[in-house]
Protein backbone atom coordinates (compact mmCIF):
# COMPACT_ATOMS: atom_id res chain seq x y z
CA UNK A 1 -10.88 -4.80 0.60
CA UNK A 2 -11.20 -2.96 -2.73
CA UNK A 3 -8.72 0.63 -1.81
CA UNK A 4 -5.54 0.46 -4.01
CA UNK A 5 -2.27 -0.53 -2.54
CA UNK A 6 -3.61 -0.28 1.21
CA UNK A 7 -2.42 -2.81 4.05
CA UNK A 8 -3.09 -3.85 7.36
CA UNK A 9 -0.86 -4.62 10.44
CA UNK A 10 -2.22 -6.22 12.78
CA UNK A 11 -0.90 -8.30 16.20
CA UNK A 12 -2.65 -11.94 16.45
CA UNK A 13 -3.73 -13.60 19.87
CA UNK A 14 -3.68 -17.49 19.29
CA UNK A 15 -3.75 -18.12 15.92
CA UNK A 16 -2.84 -21.52 15.84
CA UNK A 17 -1.77 -24.44 18.45
CA UNK A 18 1.81 -23.51 19.80
CA UNK A 19 1.46 -19.58 18.97
CA UNK A 20 0.50 -17.36 21.33
CA UNK A 21 0.95 -14.28 19.45
CA UNK A 22 1.66 -13.62 15.71
CA UNK A 23 2.13 -10.06 13.10
CA UNK A 24 -0.34 -10.82 10.52
CA UNK A 25 0.87 -8.18 7.26
CA UNK A 26 -1.82 -7.88 4.62
CA UNK A 27 -2.23 -6.18 1.48
CA UNK A 28 -4.74 -5.03 -0.34
CA UNK A 29 -3.13 -5.93 -3.80
CA UNK A 30 0.84 -6.95 -3.87
CA UNK A 31 1.27 -3.49 -3.35
CA UNK A 32 -0.13 -2.87 -0.20
CA UNK A 33 1.69 -5.63 1.21
CA UNK A 34 5.25 -4.28 0.32
CA UNK A 35 4.45 -0.96 1.50
CA UNK A 36 3.38 -2.64 4.50
CA UNK A 37 6.78 -4.69 4.71
CA UNK A 38 8.63 -0.78 4.38
CA UNK A 39 6.37 1.08 6.75
CA UNK A 40 7.28 -1.66 9.39
CA UNK A 41 10.92 -1.97 8.23
CA UNK A 42 11.30 2.42 8.75
CA UNK A 43 8.95 2.34 12.14
CA UNK A 44 12.14 -0.47 12.87
CA UNK A 45 14.47 1.84 12.26
CA UNK A 46 15.71 0.59 8.95
CA UNK A 47 15.54 3.60 5.73
CA UNK A 48 13.34 1.12 3.68
CA UNK A 49 14.85 3.24 0.66
CA UNK A 50 18.51 2.82 0.94
CA UNK A 51 20.03 -0.55 0.08
CA UNK A 52 19.99 -2.82 2.80
CA UNK A 53 23.28 -4.41 1.73
CA UNK A 54 24.98 -0.72 2.06
CA UNK A 55 23.46 0.78 5.34
CA UNK A 56 24.51 -0.42 8.94
CA UNK A 57 21.25 -1.13 10.94
CA UNK A 58 21.44 -0.11 14.16
CA UNK A 59 21.68 -3.87 16.35
CA UNK A 60 19.16 -3.36 18.98
CA UNK A 61 18.87 -6.51 21.84
CA UNK A 62 14.76 -6.52 21.50
CA UNK A 63 11.81 -5.25 19.05
CA UNK A 64 9.01 -5.50 20.23
CA UNK A 65 4.70 -4.63 17.99
CA UNK A 66 2.87 -3.02 19.91
CA UNK A 67 -0.78 -4.88 20.15
CA UNK A 68 -3.76 -4.01 17.97
CA UNK A 69 -3.66 -2.54 14.46
CA UNK A 70 -2.38 -0.56 11.85
CA UNK A 71 -4.28 0.48 8.35
CA UNK A 72 -2.73 2.76 5.62
CA UNK A 73 -3.33 3.22 1.79
CA UNK A 74 -2.42 6.23 -0.98
CA UNK A 75 -4.37 9.03 -0.76
CA UNK A 76 -3.50 9.57 -4.16
CA UNK A 77 -3.84 6.92 -7.32
CA UNK A 78 -0.88 6.84 -8.58
CA UNK A 79 2.73 7.06 -7.08
CA UNK A 80 6.76 7.09 -7.77
CA UNK A 81 9.75 6.79 -7.44
CA UNK A 82 11.41 9.37 -9.65
CA UNK A 83 15.90 9.48 -9.20
CA UNK A 84 17.31 11.73 -10.83
CA UNK A 85 20.45 10.42 -12.58
CA UNK A 86 21.06 13.50 -14.82
CA UNK A 87 24.60 15.14 -13.91
């Protein structure tokens, strides 16, 4: 709360009846949630910066998330991606 583009990833035990465990990704704002999803994709082996329809993904029989939590936020207020499309 109160942090620009921050996110939290946490494994929650027994979040509701019939669900034994859930991964929750929460952001301080919309961009924070998106960066939390990007981080999860990257840790799963999928580059969040590549066009997902064009990049072959390494197939894994299983993917595990360790219990606990992880949080991150930018160290600068403004960040961006600048694509140099000049030829």
